[in-house]
C-alpha atoms as a PDB file:
ATOM      1  CA  MET A   1      14.295  39.301  33.097  1.00  0.00           C
ATOM      2  CA  LEU A   2      13.080  35.744  32.744  1.00  0.00           C
ATOM      3  CA  GLY A   3      14.437  33.308  35.385  1.00  0.00           C
ATOM      4  CA  PRO A   4      16.271  29.618  34.446  1.00  0.00           C
ATOM      5  CA  GLU A   5      12.642  28.148  34.993  1.00  0.00           C
ATOM      6  CA  ALA A   6      11.106  30.301  32.303  1.00  0.00           C
ATOM      7  CA  THR A   7      14.180  30.445  29.919  1.00  0.00           C
ATOM      8  CA  ALA A   8      14.259  26.578  29.657  1.00  0.00           C
ATOM      9  CA  ARG A   9      10.236  26.570  29.426  1.00  0.00           C
ATOM     10  CA  ASP A  10      10.189  28.700  26.292  1.00  0.00           C
ATOM     11  CA  ALA A  11      13.538  26.417  24.876  1.00  0.00           C
ATOM     12  CA  GLY A  12      11.176  23.421  25.272  1.00  0.00           C
ATOM     13  CA  ASP A  13       8.384  25.121  23.379  1.00  0.00           C
ATOM     14  CA  VAL A  14      10.302  25.623  20.561  1.00  0.00           C
ATOM     15  CA  LEU A  15      11.810  22.628  20.349  1.00  0.00           C
ATOM     16  CA  LEU A  16       8.306  20.624  20.861  1.00  0.00           C
ATOM     17  CA  VAL A  17       6.753  22.980  17.604  1.00  0.00           C
ATOM     18  CA  ALA A  18      10.329  22.112  15.389  1.00  0.00           C
ATOM     19  CA  LEU A  19       9.637  18.446  16.681  1.00  0.00           C
ATOM     20  CA  ASP A  20       5.915  18.152  15.961  1.00  0.00           C
ATOM     21  CA  GLU A  21       5.810  20.393  12.768  1.00  0.00           C
ATOM     22  CA  TYR A  22       8.926  20.756  11.060  1.00  0.00           C
ATOM     23  CA  THR A  23      11.094  18.596   9.027  1.00  0.00           C
ATOM     24  CA  THR A  24      13.455  16.881  11.420  1.00  0.00           C
ATOM     25  CA  PRO A  25      17.099  14.903  10.615  1.00  0.00           C
ATOM     26  CA  LEU A  26      15.135  10.988  11.732  1.00  0.00           C
ATOM     27  CA  SER A  27      11.440  10.157  11.263  1.00  0.00           C
ATOM     28  CA  LEU A  28      10.007   6.931  11.292  1.00  0.00           C
ATOM     29  CA  MET A  29       6.721   6.008  10.349  1.00  0.00           C
ATOM     30  CA  PHE A  30       3.980   3.031  10.697  1.00  0.00           C
ATOM     31  CA  GLY A  31       0.770   3.636   9.289  1.00  0.00           C
ATOM     32  CA  SER A  32      -2.478   2.259   7.509  1.00  0.00           C
ATOM     33  CA  THR A  33      -5.555   3.096   5.573  1.00  0.00           C
ATOM     34  CA  TRP A  34      -8.932   1.618   5.470  1.00  0.00           C
ATOM     35  CA  ASP A  35     -11.445   1.764   2.377  1.00  0.00           C
ATOM     36  CA  SER A  36     -14.603   1.415   2.158  1.00  0.00           C
ATOM     37  CA  ASP A  37     -13.866  -0.936  -0.639  1.00  0.00           C
ATOM     38  CA  GLU A  38     -12.105  -3.414   2.138  1.00  0.00           C
ATOM     39  CA  LEU A  39      -8.737  -2.487   0.748  1.00  0.00           C
ATOM     40  CA  ARG A  40      -6.228  -2.048   3.191  1.00  0.00           C
ATOM     41  CA  ILE A  41      -2.966  -0.120   2.563  1.00  0.00           C
ATOM     42  CA  THR A  42       0.073  -0.640   5.492  1.00  0.00           C
ATOM     43  CA  ARG A  43       3.415   1.729   4.971  1.00  0.00           C
ATOM     44  CA  VAL A  44       6.502   1.633   6.661  1.00  0.00           C
ATOM     45  CA  ALA A  45       8.701   4.543   6.019  1.00  0.00           C
ATOM     46  CA  ALA A  46      11.818   6.238   6.996  1.00  0.00           C
ATOM     47  CA  VAL A  47      13.172   9.498   6.068  1.00  0.00           C
ATOM     48  CA  GLY A  48      16.824  10.725   6.882  1.00  0.00           C
ATOM     49  CA  THR A  49      17.111  14.417   5.909  1.00  0.00           C
ATOM     50  CA  LEU A  50      20.818  16.328   6.093  1.00  0.00           C
ATOM     51  CA  THR A  51      21.182  20.092   5.245  1.00  0.00           C
ATOM     52  CA  ILE A  52      23.671  21.291   3.539  1.00  0.00           C
ATOM     53  CA  ALA A  53      25.720  24.272   2.548  1.00  0.00           C
ATOM     54  CA  GLY A  54      23.623  26.278   4.764  1.00  0.00           C
ATOM     55  CA  ASN A  55      19.637  26.030   3.833  1.00  0.00           C
ATOM     56  CA  HIS A  56      19.548  23.370   1.299  1.00  0.00           C
ATOM     57  CA  LEU A  57      17.976  20.122   2.888  1.00  0.00           C
ATOM     58  CA  LEU A  58      18.382  16.418   1.360  1.00  0.00           C
ATOM     59  CA  GLN A  59      16.821  13.929   2.002  1.00  0.00           C
ATOM     60  CA  VAL A  60      16.676   9.676   1.564  1.00  0.00           C
ATOM     61  CA  MET A  61      13.451   8.343   1.774  1.00  0.00           C
ATOM     62  CA  PRO A  62      12.951   4.337   1.502  1.00  0.00           C
ATOM     63  CA  SER A  63       9.384   2.852   2.749  1.00  0.00           C
ATOM     64  CA  ARG A  64       7.732  -0.476   2.190  1.00  0.00           C
ATOM     65  CA  ILE A  65       3.776  -0.950   1.184  1.00  0.00           C
ATOM     66  CA  TRP A  66       1.300  -3.830   2.033  1.00  0.00           C
ATOM     67  CA  TYR A  67      -1.691  -4.450   0.101  1.00  0.00           C
ATOM     68  CA  ARG A  68      -5.009  -6.431   1.248  1.00  0.00           C
ATOM     69  CA  GLN A  69      -8.442  -6.876   0.015  1.00  0.00           C
ATOM     70  CA  PRO A  70     -10.340  -9.842   0.273  1.00  0.00           C
ATOM     71  CA  GLY A  71     -10.663 -12.045  -3.158  1.00  0.00           C
ATOM     72  CA  GLN A  72      -6.873 -10.368  -4.085  1.00  0.00           C
ATOM     73  CA  PRO A  73      -3.627 -12.073  -3.383  1.00  0.00           C
ATOM     74  CA  ASP A  74      -1.367 -10.194  -1.236  1.00  0.00           C
ATOM     75  CA  ALA A  75       0.637  -7.632  -2.655  1.00  0.00           C
ATOM     76  CA  ASP A  76       3.603  -5.226  -1.505  1.00  0.00           C
ATOM     77  CA  GLY A  77       5.757  -2.295  -2.971  1.00  0.00           C
ATOM     78  CA  LEU A  78       9.289  -1.204  -2.513  1.00  0.00           C
ATOM     79  CA  ARG A  79      10.102   2.515  -2.443  1.00  0.00           C
ATOM     80  CA  LEU A  80      13.498   4.383  -2.585  1.00  0.00           C
ATOM     81  CA  GLY A  81      13.047   8.056  -2.993  1.00  0.00           C
ATOM     82  CA  ALA A  82      14.918  11.393  -2.519  1.00  0.00           C
ATOM     83  CA  GLY A  83      14.261  14.960  -2.014  1.00  0.00           C
ATOM     84  CA  LEU A  84      15.363  18.424  -2.054  1.00  0.00           C
ATOM     85  CA  VAL A  85      14.331  21.472  -0.452  1.00  0.00           C
ATOM     86  CA  THR A  86      15.682  24.483  -0.860  1.00  0.00           C
ATOM     87  CA  GLY A  87      15.949  28.297  -0.951  1.00  0.00           C
ATOM     88  CA  LEU A  88      16.136  29.900  -4.080  1.00  0.00           C
ATOM     89  CA  GLY A  89      16.398  33.391  -2.866  1.00  0.00           C
ATOM     90  CA  PRO A  90      14.406  35.502  -0.373  1.00  0.00           C
ATOM     91  CA  ARG A  91      10.905  35.316  -1.663  1.00  0.00           C
ATOM     92  CA  TRP A  92      11.890  31.729  -3.772  1.00  0.00           C
ATOM     93  CA  ALA A  93      11.850  28.109  -2.229  1.00  0.00           C
ATOM     94  CA  LEU A  94      11.615  24.535  -4.281  1.00  0.00           C
ATOM     95  CA  HIS A  95      10.626  21.213  -3.134  1.00  0.00           C
ATOM     96  CA  ALA A  96      11.482  18.600  -5.437  1.00  0.00           C
ATOM     97  CA  TYR A  97      10.618  14.660  -4.721  1.00  0.00           C
ATOM     98  CA  GLY A  98      11.541  11.529  -6.895  1.00  0.00           C
ATOM     99  CA  TRP A  99      11.271   7.972  -5.939  1.00  0.00           C
ATOM    100  CA  LEU A 100      11.124   4.194  -7.455  1.00  0.00           C
ATOM    101  CA  ASP A 101       8.409   1.955  -6.882  1.00  0.00           C
ATOM    102  CA  ARG A 102       9.149  -1.676  -7.216  1.00  0.00           C
ATOM    103  CA  PHE A 103       5.384  -3.581  -6.960  1.00  0.00           C
ATOM    104  CA  ALA A 104       4.907  -7.365  -7.012  1.00  0.00           C
ATOM    105  CA  SER A 105       1.934  -9.713  -5.905  1.00  0.00           C
ATOM    106  CA  ASP A 106       2.096 -13.270  -4.802  1.00  0.00           C
ATOM    107  CA  GLY A 107      -0.335 -14.643  -7.458  1.00  0.00           C
ATOM    108  CA  ALA A 108      -2.425 -13.141 -10.267  1.00  0.00           C
ATOM    109  CA  LEU A 109      -4.683 -10.559 -10.084  1.00  0.00           C
ATOM    110  CA  PRO A 110      -8.391 -11.497 -11.309  1.00  0.00           C
ATOM    111  CA  ALA A 111      -8.358  -8.413 -12.801  1.00  0.00           C
ATOM    112  CA  THR A 112      -5.498  -9.188 -15.311  1.00  0.00           C
ATOM    113  CA  GLY A 113      -5.005 -12.862 -15.096  1.00  0.00           C
ATOM    114  CA  ALA A 114      -1.343 -12.116 -14.194  1.00  0.00           C
ATOM    115  CA  PRO A 115       0.827 -11.454 -11.066  1.00  0.00           C
ATOM    116  CA  LEU A 116       1.545  -7.646 -10.552  1.00  0.00           C
ATOM    117  CA  ASP A 117       5.054  -7.065 -11.829  1.00  0.00           C
ATOM    118  CA  TRP A 118       5.560  -3.389 -12.164  1.00  0.00           C
ATOM    119  CA  ASP A 119       8.258  -0.962 -11.751  1.00  0.00           C
ATOM    120  CA  GLN A 120       7.355   2.569 -11.681  1.00  0.00           C
ATOM    121  CA  ALA A 121       8.914   6.234 -11.391  1.00  0.00           C
ATOM    122  CA  GLY A 122       7.401   8.966 -10.153  1.00  0.00           C
ATOM    123  CA  GLY A 123       7.978  12.225  -8.567  1.00  0.00           C
ATOM    124  CA  ASP A 124       6.399  15.826  -6.872  1.00  0.00           C
ATOM    125  CA  ALA A 125       7.561  18.984  -7.010  1.00  0.00           C
ATOM    126  CA  TRP A 126       6.618  22.170  -6.285  1.00  0.00           C
ATOM    127  CA  LEU A 127       8.069  26.096  -6.526  1.00  0.00           C
ATOM    128  CA  THR A 128       6.851  28.632  -4.107  1.00  0.00           C
ATOM    129  CA  TRP A 129       6.774  32.564  -4.486  1.00  0.00           C
ATOM    130  CA  LEU A 130       6.181  35.355  -2.266  1.00  0.00           C
ATOM    131  CA  PRO A 131       5.882  38.291  -4.681  1.00  0.00           C
ATOM    132  CA  ALA A 132       4.437  40.578  -2.207  1.00  0.00           C
ATOM    133  CA  PRO A 133       3.746  40.761   1.600  1.00  0.00           C
ATOM    134  CA  ARG A 134       0.550  39.008   2.532  1.00  0.00           C
ATOM    135  CA  TRP A 135       0.561  36.569  -1.082  1.00  0.00           C
ATOM    136  CA  ARG A 136       2.105  33.494  -1.694  1.00  0.00           C
ATOM    137  CA  LEU A 137       2.095  31.658  -5.295  1.00  0.00           C
ATOM    138  CA  ASP A 138       2.785  27.647  -5.368  1.00  0.00           C
ATOM    139  CA  VAL A 139       2.911  26.013  -8.596  1.00  0.00           C
ATOM    140  CA  GLY A 140       3.589  21.986  -8.651  1.00  0.00           C
ATOM    141  CA  ALA A 141       3.294  18.617 -10.857  1.00  0.00           C
ATOM    142  CA  GLY A 142       3.568  15.103  -9.961  1.00  0.00           C
ATOM    143  CA  SER A 143       3.358  11.696 -11.703  1.00  0.00           C
ATOM    144  CA  GLN A 144       2.499   8.706  -9.502  1.00  0.00           C
ATOM    145  CA  ALA A 145       0.779   4.697  -9.427  1.00  0.00           C
ATOM    146  CA  VAL A 146      -3.155   4.463  -8.504  1.00  0.00           C
ATOM    147  CA  GLU A 147      -3.055   2.597  -5.642  1.00  0.00           C
ATOM    148  CA  THR A 148      -6.025   0.223  -6.085  1.00  0.00           C
ATOM    149  CA  TYR A 149      -6.009  -3.678  -7.214  1.00  0.00           C
ATOM    150  CA  LEU A 150      -7.162  -2.948 -10.626  1.00  0.00           C
ATOM    151  CA  ALA A 151      -5.028   0.188 -11.522  1.00  0.00           C
ATOM    152  CA  LEU A 152      -1.602  -1.490 -10.036  1.00  0.00           C
ATOM    153  CA  GLY A 153      -2.748  -4.480 -12.654  1.00  0.00           C
ATOM    154  CA  GLU A 154      -3.328  -2.221 -15.643  1.00  0.00           C
ATOM    155  CA  HIS A 155       0.220  -0.444 -14.591  1.00  0.00           C
ATOM    156  CA  LEU A 156      -2.133   2.519 -14.001  1.00  0.00           C
ATOM    157  CA  GLU A 157      -0.457   6.583 -13.273  1.00  0.00           C
ATOM    158  CA  ARG A 158      -2.007   9.894 -12.334  1.00  0.00           C
ATOM    159  CA  ARG A 159      -0.077  12.951 -13.589  1.00  0.00           C
ATOM    160  CA  GLN A 160      -1.050  16.331 -12.629  1.00  0.00           C
ATOM    161  CA  ALA A 161      -0.378  20.286 -12.335  1.00  0.00           C
ATOM    162  CA  SER A 162      -1.770  22.126  -9.662  1.00  0.00           C
ATOM    163  CA  LEU A 163      -1.651  26.381  -8.962  1.00  0.00           C
ATOM    164  CA  SER A 164      -2.755  27.794  -5.729  1.00  0.00           C
ATOM    165  CA  LEU A 165      -2.700  31.472  -4.617  1.00  0.00           C
ATOM    166  CA  GLU A 166      -3.784  32.852  -0.956  1.00  0.00           C
ATOM    167  CA  HIS A 167      -3.684  35.887   0.477  1.00  0.00           C
ATOM    168  CA  ARG A 168      -3.643  37.130   3.731  1.00  0.00           C
ATOM    169  CA  LEU A 169      -6.331  39.565   4.221  1.00  0.00           C
ATOM    170  CA  SER A 170      -5.539  40.613   7.559  1.00  0.00           C
ATOM    171  CA  ARG A 171      -4.302  39.612  10.905  1.00  0.00           C
ATOM    172  CA  ARG A 172      -7.111  37.194  11.247  1.00  0.00           C
ATOM    173  CA  TRP A 173      -8.609  36.648   7.743  1.00  0.00           C
ATOM    174  CA  SER A 174      -7.191  34.929   4.840  1.00  0.00           C
ATOM    175  CA  ALA A 175      -8.304  33.142   1.577  1.00  0.00           C
ATOM    176  CA  GLY A 176      -7.051  31.001  -0.925  1.00  0.00           C
ATOM    177  CA  VAL A 177      -8.168  29.164  -4.000  1.00  0.00           C
ATOM    178  CA  VAL A 178      -6.271  25.801  -5.186  1.00  0.00           C
ATOM    179  CA  GLY A 179      -6.971  24.291  -9.199  1.00  0.00           C
ATOM    180  CA  ILE A 180      -5.432  20.643  -9.963  1.00  0.00           C
ATOM    181  CA  ALA A 181      -5.626  19.433 -13.853  1.00  0.00           C
ATOM    182  CA  GLY A 182      -5.029  15.593 -13.528  1.00  0.00           C
ATOM    183  CA  GLU A 183      -4.163  13.136 -16.053  1.00  0.00           C
ATOM    184  CA  TYR A 184      -4.373   9.356 -16.169  1.00  0.00           C
ATOM    185  CA  THR A 185      -2.542   6.837 -18.515  1.00  0.00           C
ATOM    186  CA  ASP A 186      -5.957   5.383 -19.589  1.00  0.00           C
ATOM    187  CA  GLY A 187      -6.986   8.523 -20.954  1.00  0.00           C
ATOM    188  CA  ASN A 188      -9.378   9.885 -18.148  1.00  0.00           C
ATOM    189  CA  ARG A 189      -8.833  13.895 -16.607  1.00  0.00           C
ATOM    190  CA  SER A 190      -9.947  15.525 -13.766  1.00  0.00           C
ATOM    191  CA  ASP A 191     -10.170  18.686 -12.594  1.00  0.00           C
ATOM    192  CA  ARG A 192     -10.569  20.182  -9.127  1.00  0.00           C
ATOM    193  CA  LEU A 193     -10.987  23.588  -7.795  1.00  0.00           C
ATOM    194  CA  THR A 194     -11.086  24.390  -3.890  1.00  0.00           C
ATOM    195  CA  ALA A 195     -11.694  28.054  -2.643  1.00  0.00           C
ATOM    196  CA  ARG A 196     -11.499  28.839   1.112  1.00  0.00           C
ATOM    197  CA  ALA A 197     -11.529  31.196   3.342  1.00  0.00           C
ATOM    198  CA  ALA A 198     -10.324  31.275   6.961  1.00  0.00           C
ATOM    199  CA  TRP A 199     -10.697  33.249  10.026  1.00  0.00           C
ATOM    200  CA  ARG A 200      -7.527  32.381  12.621  1.00  0.00           C
ATOM    201  CA  HIS A 201      -6.855  33.502  16.181  1.00  0.00           C
ATOM    202  CA  ASP A 202      -2.816  32.917  17.268  1.00  0.00           C
ATOM    203  CA  GLY A 203      -1.885  32.191  20.597  1.00  0.00           C
ATOM    204  CA  ARG A 204      -1.118  28.858  22.880  1.00  0.00           C
ATOM    205  CA  VAL A 205      -4.348  27.649  21.594  1.00  0.00           C
ATOM    206  CA  PHE A 206      -4.517  27.996  17.822  1.00  0.00           C
ATOM    207  CA  VAL A 207      -8.189  27.789  16.135  1.00  0.00           C
ATOM    208  CA  GLN A 208      -8.766  28.417  12.078  1.00  0.00           C
ATOM    209  CA  ALA A 209     -11.832  28.286  10.920  1.00  0.00           C
ATOM    210  CA  GLY A 210     -13.771  29.056   7.819  1.00  0.00           C
ATOM    211  CA  PRO A 211     -16.050  28.069   4.358  1.00  0.00           C
ATOM    212  CA  VAL A 212     -14.514  25.900   1.635  1.00  0.00           C
ATOM    213  CA  VAL A 213     -16.238  25.009  -2.139  1.00  0.00           C
ATOM    214  CA  ASN A 214     -14.973  21.959  -3.760  1.00  0.00           C
ATOM    215  CA  LEU A 215     -15.726  20.929  -7.457  1.00  0.00           C
ATOM    216  CA  LEU A 216     -14.588  18.004  -9.085  1.00  0.00           C
ATOM    217  CA  ASP A 217     -15.630  16.320 -12.494  1.00  0.00           C
ATOM    218  CA  PHE A 218     -13.854  13.606 -14.449  1.00  0.00           C
ATOM    219  CA  SER A 219     -14.253  13.260 -18.303  1.00  0.00           C
ATOM    220  CA  VAL A 220     -14.990   9.888 -17.963  1.00  0.00           C
ATOM    221  CA  PRO A 221     -16.761   8.834 -14.672  1.00  0.00           C
ATOM    222  CA  TYR A 222     -16.222   5.504 -12.709  1.00  0.00           C
ATOM    223  CA  PRO A 223     -14.338   4.027 -15.777  1.00  0.00           C
ATOM    224  CA  GLY A 224     -13.142   1.269 -13.070  1.00  0.00           C
ATOM    225  CA  GLY A 225     -10.368   0.840 -10.788  1.00  0.00           C
ATOM    226  CA  TYR A 226     -10.627   3.915  -9.132  1.00  0.00           C
ATOM    227  CA  TRP A 227     -12.940   6.275  -7.654  1.00  0.00           C
ATOM    228  CA  ALA A 228     -14.128   9.062 -10.031  1.00  0.00           C
ATOM    229  CA  PRO A 229     -17.041  11.055  -9.492  1.00  0.00           C
ATOM    230  CA  ASP A 230     -19.223  12.708 -11.870  1.00  0.00           C
ATOM    231  CA  ASP A 231     -19.565  16.393 -12.168  1.00  0.00           C
ATOM    232  CA  MET A 232     -19.148  16.443  -7.928  1.00  0.00           C
ATOM    233  CA  ARG A 233     -19.546  19.956  -6.248  1.00  0.00           C
ATOM    234  CA  SER A 234     -19.095  20.352  -2.543  1.00  0.00           C
ATOM    235  CA  ALA A 235     -19.703  23.017   0.058  1.00  0.00           C
ATOM    236  CA  GLY A 236     -18.947  23.377   3.798  1.00  0.00           C
ATOM    237  CA  LEU A 237     -17.112  24.278   6.974  1.00  0.00           C
ATOM    238  CA  GLU A 238     -13.680  23.301   8.189  1.00  0.00           C
ATOM    239  CA  ALA A 239     -11.523  23.732  11.405  1.00  0.00           C
ATOM    240  CA  MET A 240      -8.591  22.929  12.840  1.00  0.00           C
ATOM    241  CA  VAL A 241      -7.547  23.190  16.633  1.00  0.00           C
ATOM    242  CA  ARG A 242      -4.450  23.089  17.624  1.00  0.00           C
ATOM    243  CA  SER A 243      -2.110  23.668  21.646  1.00  0.00           C
ATOM    244  CA  ARG A 244       0.734  22.561  23.371  1.00  0.00           C
ATOM    245  CA  GLY A 245       2.036  21.900  26.882  1.00  0.00           C
ATOM    246  CA  ARG A 246       5.301  21.606  28.190  1.00  0.00           C
ATOM    247  CA  THR A 247       5.939  17.814  26.296  1.00  0.00           C
ATOM    248  CA  VAL A 248       2.654  17.410  24.542  1.00  0.00           C
ATOM    249  CA  ALA A 249       1.209  19.339  21.559  1.00  0.00           C
ATOM    250  CA  TRP A 250      -2.055  17.773  19.949  1.00  0.00           C
ATOM    251  CA  ARG A 251      -4.486  18.785  16.949  1.00  0.00           C
ATOM    252  CA  LEU A 252      -7.793  18.044  16.222  1.00  0.00           C
ATOM    253  CA  SER A 253      -9.414  18.821  12.424  1.00  0.00           C
ATOM    254  CA  GLY A 254     -13.040  18.448  10.918  1.00  0.00           C
ATOM    255  CA  THR A 255     -14.899  18.893   8.145  1.00  0.00           C
ATOM    256  CA  LEU A 256     -18.466  19.360   7.327  1.00  0.00           C
ATOM    257  CA  ALA A 257     -20.150  19.829   3.999  1.00  0.00           C
ATOM    258  CA  ARG A 258     -22.987  18.895   2.014  1.00  0.00           C
ATOM    259  CA  GLU A 259     -21.936  17.788  -1.491  1.00  0.00           C
ATOM    260  CA  LYS A 260     -23.666  16.514  -4.610  1.00  0.00           C
ATOM    261  CA  GLU A 261     -23.099  14.734  -7.767  1.00  0.00           C
ATOM    262  CA  ALA A 262     -24.506  15.155 -11.033  1.00  0.00           C
ATOM    263  CA  SER A 263     -27.205  12.976 -10.898  1.00  0.00           C
ATOM    264  CA  SER A 264     -27.430  12.219  -7.466  1.00  0.00           C
ATOM    265  CA  ARG A 265     -29.285  14.098  -4.165  1.00  0.00           C
ATOM    266  CA  ALA A 266     -27.155  16.057  -1.900  1.00  0.00           C
ATOM    267  CA  ILE A 267     -26.029  14.687   0.953  1.00  0.00           C
ATOM    268  CA  THR A 268     -24.064  15.323   4.421  1.00  0.00           C
ATOM    269  CA  VAL A 269     -20.440  14.286   4.430  1.00  0.00           C
ATOM    270  CA  GLY A 270     -17.500  14.906   6.456  1.00  0.00           C
ATOM    271  CA  GLY A 271     -14.303  14.049   8.342  1.00  0.00           C
ATOM    272  CA  ILE A 272     -12.264  14.243  11.659  1.00  0.00           C
ATOM    273  CA  SER A 273      -8.582  13.482  12.089  1.00  0.00           C
ATOM    274  CA  GLY A 274      -6.427  14.115  15.123  1.00  0.00           C
ATOM    275  CA  ARG A 275      -3.183  14.256  16.139  1.00  0.00           C
ATOM    276  CA  VAL A 276      -1.055  13.830  19.783  1.00  0.00           C
ATOM    277  CA  GLY A 277       3.094  14.202  19.930  1.00  0.00           C
ATOM    278  CA  TRP A 278       4.760  13.382  23.043  1.00  0.00           C
ATOM    279  CA  ARG A 279       7.994  14.488  23.931  1.00  0.00           C
ATOM    280  CA  PHE A 280       9.339  11.951  25.583  1.00  0.00           C
ATOM    281  CA  ALA A 281      12.653  12.581  25.696  1.00  0.00           C
ATOM    282  CA  PRO A 282      14.648  16.070  24.936  1.00  0.00           C
ATOM    283  CA  ASP A 283      15.079  15.371  21.143  1.00  0.00           C
ATOM    284  CA  TRP A 284      12.754  12.785  20.504  1.00  0.00           C
ATOM    285  CA  LEU A 285       8.809  13.323  19.785  1.00  0.00           C
ATOM    286  CA  LEU A 286       6.490   9.803  19.437  1.00  0.00           C
ATOM    287  CA  GLY A 287       3.145  11.276  17.397  1.00  0.00           C
ATOM    288  CA  LEU A 288       0.139   9.152  17.012  1.00  0.00           C
ATOM    289  CA  GLU A 289      -2.273   9.999  14.500  1.00  0.00           C
ATOM    290  CA  ALA A 290      -6.141   8.783  13.366  1.00  0.00           C
ATOM    291  CA  GLY A 291      -8.824   9.998  11.399  1.00  0.00           C
ATOM    292  CA  HIS A 292     -12.157   9.117   9.433  1.00  0.00           C
ATOM    293  CA  ALA A 293     -13.843  10.801   6.640  1.00  0.00           C
ATOM    294  CA  ALA A 294     -16.577   9.784   3.775  1.00  0.00           C
ATOM    295  CA  SER A 295     -16.465  12.157   0.753  1.00  0.00           C
ATOM    296  CA  SER A 296     -15.791  11.516  -2.977  1.00  0.00           C
ATOM    297  CA  LEU A 297     -12.643  13.606  -2.444  1.00  0.00           C
ATOM    298  CA  ASN A 298     -10.875  11.350  -0.406  1.00  0.00           C
ATOM    299  CA  ASN A 299      -8.980   8.306  -1.989  1.00  0.00           C
ATOM    300  CA  ALA A 300      -8.823   6.156  -5.025  1.00  0.00           C
ATOM    301  CA  GLY A 301     -10.173   3.202  -3.521  1.00  0.00           C
ATOM    302  CA  GLY A 302     -13.310   3.950  -1.784  1.00  0.00           C
ATOM    303  CA  TYR A 303     -15.844   6.463  -0.904  1.00  0.00           C
ATOM    304  CA  ARG A 304     -15.232   5.916   3.421  1.00  0.00           C
ATOM    305  CA  ARG A 305     -11.229   6.143   4.720  1.00  0.00           C
ATOM    306  CA  THR A 306      -9.906   5.350   7.770  1.00  0.00           C
ATOM    307  CA  SER A 307      -6.726   6.031   9.127  1.00  0.00           C
ATOM    308  CA  ALA A 308      -4.156   5.345  12.334  1.00  0.00           C
ATOM    309  CA  SER A 309      -0.354   6.290  12.123  1.00  0.00           C
ATOM    310  CA  VAL A 310       2.367   6.249  14.645  1.00  0.00           C
ATOM    311  CA  ASP A 311       5.702   8.021  14.341  1.00  0.00           C
ATOM    312  CA  ILE A 312       8.679   8.866  15.896  1.00  0.00           C
ATOM    313  CA  ARG A 313      11.042  12.209  14.708  1.00  0.00           C
ATOM    314  CA  ALA A 314      14.463  13.090  16.427  1.00  0.00           C
ATOM    315  CA  PHE A 315      16.975  15.858  16.235  1.00  0.00           C
ATOM    316  CA  PHE A 316      20.640  14.762  16.356  1.00  0.00           C
END
């Protein structure tokens, strides 16, 4: 029989995992990204989650965004969003989010000769189906603004549809494939296919690693305003390690790959990111996260991206 100390320790472990990895009633985040084209995006966001009628999660998600880049006027955005997460049956689940963005700048954008002044509605939704044991299928669609100065000034949106399939081959091995078809409001299109296999070790220290292959192509490479590589192919390895103690949970992820565009030589690319979550009070967690990556798969603004953020999560 477990004693009081062991029972308390197990309860603390469960709460630490819930605070660090699952949706909490309150989450606050402050973070920035720095791209290799010197674009810096800073965000402050809050997410409030309310459980209704048993297993339905209703979310409210306001956020504020600041854009900074040498040679460009200061710009910012305000987002008002809401979401619904719900089970539709024993094997079905729905995630649906919608938002309204308001973008503005302090002065005229050099590319357009006019100040940024744009209201844009966006959203993201996906349906998860577990058709059989060890199988998972996700179908999704979304639309959002492209976050570069030129793209925002031209009111450019990206819309996409996705399909993913994952199969748990055994206790330690799984495999999956993801296809994403994207369309931009300037008429450009993108297609991306990702296939991966993963080996995992469960326990206090969780390890997952395996090969990953990516194919990405745009109908019009590098049209200006956003990162659009030409017939990009990538193959490499990805790995993740995570663990936890009594009050601290941590995660470290990394990728290493060879990447080649149509008319270029193959180069070595990769990235690394880490997160530490500290449960500083029984129902509160402070998280710190940072990363750096260099790849054509990374972002809309540049080839390299560095990111850092801090978040607070709480149960009530």
